[in-house]
C-alpha atoms as a PDB file:
ATOM      1  CA  MET A   1       0.000   0.000   0.000  1.00  0.00           C
ATOM      2  CA  ALA A   2       2.762   2.408   0.846  1.00  0.00           C
ATOM      3  CA  LYS A   3       4.372   1.767  -2.516  1.00  0.00           C
ATOM      4  CA  ALA A   4       1.273   2.830  -4.425  1.00  0.00           C
ATOM      5  CA  LYS A   5       1.059   5.971  -2.358  1.00  0.00           C
ATOM      6  CA  THR A   6       4.636   7.030  -3.180  1.00  0.00           C
ATOM      7  CA  SER A   7       4.259   6.405  -6.918  1.00  0.00           C
ATOM      8  CA  ARG A   8       1.077   8.452  -6.908  1.00  0.00           C
ATOM      9  CA  THR A   9       2.930  11.330  -5.223  1.00  0.00           C
ATOM     10  CA  ALA A  10       5.658  11.115  -7.870  1.00  0.00           C
ATOM     11  CA  GLU A  11       3.002  11.249 -10.598  1.00  0.00           C
ATOM     12  CA  GLN A  12       1.520  14.379  -9.094  1.00  0.00           C
ATOM     13  CA  ARG A  13       4.885  16.110  -9.090  1.00  0.00           C
ATOM     14  CA  SER A  14       5.588  15.395 -12.744  1.00  0.00           C
ATOM     15  CA  TYR A  15       2.798  17.598 -14.100  1.00  0.00           C
ATOM     16  CA  GLY A  16       3.652  20.888 -15.764  1.00  0.00           C
ATOM     17  CA  THR A  17       6.415  22.172 -17.952  1.00  0.00           C
ATOM     18  CA  PRO A  18       9.912  21.498 -16.666  1.00  0.00           C
ATOM     19  CA  LEU A  19      11.958  24.636 -16.200  1.00  0.00           C
ATOM     20  CA  ALA A  20      15.273  25.044 -17.934  1.00  0.00           C
ATOM     21  CA  PRO A  21      18.226  24.891 -15.556  1.00  0.00           C
ATOM     22  CA  VAL A  22      19.545  28.275 -14.527  1.00  0.00           C
ATOM     23  CA  GLN A  23      23.049  28.840 -15.851  1.00  0.00           C
ATOM     24  CA  SER A  24      25.329  31.314 -14.176  1.00  0.00           C
ATOM     25  CA  PRO A  25      26.675  34.131 -16.341  1.00  0.00           C
ATOM     26  CA  ARG A  26      30.255  33.672 -17.510  1.00  0.00           C
ATOM     27  CA  ILE A  27      32.874  36.036 -18.846  1.00  0.00           C
ATOM     28  CA  PRO A  28      35.088  34.519 -21.553  1.00  0.00           C
ATOM     29  CA  VAL A  29      38.506  35.587 -20.248  1.00  0.00           C
ATOM     30  CA  ILE A  30      40.362  35.601 -23.593  1.00  0.00           C
ATOM     31  CA  ALA A  31      37.752  37.773 -25.320  1.00  0.00           C
ATOM     32  CA  PHE A  32      37.589  39.996 -22.240  1.00  0.00           C
ATOM     33  CA  GLY A  33      41.397  40.347 -22.151  1.00  0.00           C
ATOM     34  CA  MET A  34      41.650  41.209 -25.834  1.00  0.00           C
ATOM     35  CA  SER A  35      38.828  43.737 -25.672  1.00  0.00           C
ATOM     36  CA  LEU A  36      40.173  45.443 -22.535  1.00  0.00           C
ATOM     37  CA  GLY A  37      43.739  45.443 -23.846  1.00  0.00           C
ATOM     38  CA  ILE A  38      42.720  46.969 -27.174  1.00  0.00           C
ATOM     39  CA  PHE A  39      40.425  49.457 -25.428  1.00  0.00           C
ATOM     40  CA  LEU A  40      43.237  50.683 -23.155  1.00  0.00           C
ATOM     41  CA  ALA A  41      45.733  50.810 -26.049  1.00  0.00           C
ATOM     42  CA  ILE A  42      43.315  52.935 -28.097  1.00  0.00           C
ATOM     43  CA  THR A  43      42.606  55.152 -25.082  1.00  0.00           C
ATOM     44  CA  TYR A  44      46.357  55.599 -24.494  1.00  0.00           C
ATOM     45  CA  THR A  45      46.903  56.539 -28.155  1.00  0.00           C
ATOM     46  CA  LEU A  46      44.040  59.052 -28.077  1.00  0.00           C
ATOM     47  CA  CYS A  47      45.366  60.581 -24.857  1.00  0.00           C
ATOM     48  CA  VAL A  48      48.876  60.976 -26.297  1.00  0.00           C
ATOM     49  CA  GLY A  49      47.351  62.591 -29.384  1.00  0.00           C
ATOM     50  CA  PHE A  50      45.325  64.930 -27.169  1.00  0.00           C
ATOM     51  CA  ASP A  51      48.484  65.845 -25.235  1.00  0.00           C
ATOM     52  CA  LEU A  52      50.251  66.700 -28.488  1.00  0.00           C
ATOM     53  CA  LEU A  53      47.342  68.810 -29.762  1.00  0.00           C
ATOM     54  CA  PHE A  54      46.676  70.621 -26.485  1.00  0.00           C
ATOM     55  CA  PRO A  55      49.957  70.863 -24.543  1.00  0.00           C
ATOM     56  CA  GLY A  56      48.414  73.184 -21.939  1.00  0.00           C
ATOM     57  CA  GLN A  57      45.950  70.451 -20.959  1.00  0.00           C
ATOM     58  CA  ALA A  58      48.469  67.617 -21.216  1.00  0.00           C
ATOM     59  CA  MET A  59      48.313  64.704 -18.852  1.00  0.00           C
ATOM     60  CA  TYR A  60      51.660  63.179 -19.740  1.00  0.00           C
ATOM     61  CA  GLU A  61      52.759  63.589 -16.125  1.00  0.00           C
ATOM     62  CA  THR A  62      50.087  61.042 -15.228  1.00  0.00           C
ATOM     63  CA  TRP A  63      51.508  58.643 -17.805  1.00  0.00           C
ATOM     64  CA  LEU A  64      54.939  59.082 -16.226  1.00  0.00           C
ATOM     65  CA  ARG A  65      53.545  57.787 -12.925  1.00  0.00           C
ATOM     66  CA  LEU A  66      51.339  55.005 -14.328  1.00  0.00           C
ATOM     67  CA  LEU A  67      53.644  53.513 -16.955  1.00  0.00           C
ATOM     68  CA  PRO A  68      57.073  52.361 -15.726  1.00  0.00           C
ATOM     69  CA  GLY A  69      59.883  53.398 -18.076  1.00  0.00           C
ATOM     70  CA  PHE A  70      57.695  55.877 -19.971  1.00  0.00           C
ATOM     71  CA  THR A  71      59.259  59.239 -20.838  1.00  0.00           C
ATOM     72  CA  TRP A  72      57.741  62.049 -22.870  1.00  0.00           C
ATOM     73  CA  LEU A  73      57.893  61.468 -25.921  1.00  0.00           C
ATOM     74  CA  THR A  74      60.052  59.218 -28.053  1.00  0.00           C
ATOM     75  CA  TRP A  75      58.945  56.436 -30.371  1.00  0.00           C
ATOM     76  CA  GLN A  76      60.385  53.822 -28.028  1.00  0.00           C
ATOM     77  CA  SER A  77      58.596  55.381 -25.074  1.00  0.00           C
ATOM     78  CA  PHE A  78      55.330  55.604 -26.990  1.00  0.00           C
ATOM     79  CA  LEU A  79      55.527  51.929 -27.981  1.00  0.00           C
ATOM     80  CA  LEU A  80      56.431  50.948 -24.423  1.00  0.00           C
ATOM     81  CA  GLY A  81      53.379  52.827 -23.127  1.00  0.00           C
ATOM     82  CA  LEU A  82      51.217  51.148 -25.762  1.00  0.00           C
ATOM     83  CA  VAL A  83      52.418  47.677 -24.728  1.00  0.00           C
ATOM     84  CA  GLU A  84      52.014  48.487 -21.033  1.00  0.00           C
ATOM     85  CA  SER A  85      48.477  49.792 -21.592  1.00  0.00           C
ATOM     86  CA  PHE A  86      47.579  46.590 -23.425  1.00  0.00           C
ATOM     87  CA  ALA A  87      49.161  44.559 -20.600  1.00  0.00           C
ATOM     88  CA  TYR A  88      47.116  46.459 -17.988  1.00  0.00           C
ATOM     89  CA  GLY A  89      43.967  45.398 -19.851  1.00  0.00           C
ATOM     90  CA  TRP A  90      45.069  41.773 -19.698  1.00  0.00           C
ATOM     91  CA  TYR A  91      45.920  42.125 -16.013  1.00  0.00           C
ATOM     92  CA  VAL A  92      42.396  43.310 -15.248  1.00  0.00           C
ATOM     93  CA  ALA A  93      40.876  40.542 -17.384  1.00  0.00           C
ATOM     94  CA  LEU A  94      42.993  37.813 -15.772  1.00  0.00           C
ATOM     95  CA  MET A  95      42.079  39.008 -12.292  1.00  0.00           C
ATOM     96  CA  PHE A  96      38.441  40.002 -12.789  1.00  0.00           C
ATOM     97  CA  GLY A  97      37.226  37.362 -15.273  1.00  0.00           C
ATOM     98  CA  PRO A  98      37.964  34.202 -13.260  1.00  0.00           C
ATOM     99  CA  LEU A  99      36.889  35.859  -9.998  1.00  0.00           C
ATOM    100  CA  PHE A 100      33.575  36.862 -11.544  1.00  0.00           C
ATOM    101  CA  ASN A 101      33.050  33.379 -13.003  1.00  0.00           C
ATOM    102  CA  VAL A 102      33.711  31.645  -9.677  1.00  0.00           C
ATOM    103  CA  ILE A 103      31.540  34.025  -7.649  1.00  0.00           C
ATOM    104  CA  ALA A 104      28.699  33.965 -10.195  1.00  0.00           C
ATOM    105  CA  ARG A 105      28.724  30.147 -10.224  1.00  0.00           C
ATOM    106  CA  ARG A 106      28.563  29.926  -6.441  1.00  0.00           C
ATOM    107  CA  TRP A 107      26.003  32.706  -6.110  1.00  0.00           C
ATOM    108  CA  THR A 108      23.466  31.012  -8.428  1.00  0.00           C
ATOM    109  CA  LEU A 109      23.605  27.646  -6.610  1.00  0.00           C
END
């Protein structure tokens, strides 16, 4: 008798449309790193161009503090700043992306 009762309960629970499993959001780290690196490299290039066009409003002193080895302005220094800006984007992606993925996975459980 008890067996019939449990199968009947299982039948009652199977009615309705099954819901799709909830998937946690993920950040693809390689795409995130490339996009952030390119974004910061473009931003760096635009800022250097702005500094050259408007020397009174220049922020090259900020670049001197943020980018090790950067001096104003030689081709080698410009390229070094470009590489460092791209590397900063990858640093953020490599730190933020996996942390976000782990926390988002645990938060949705």
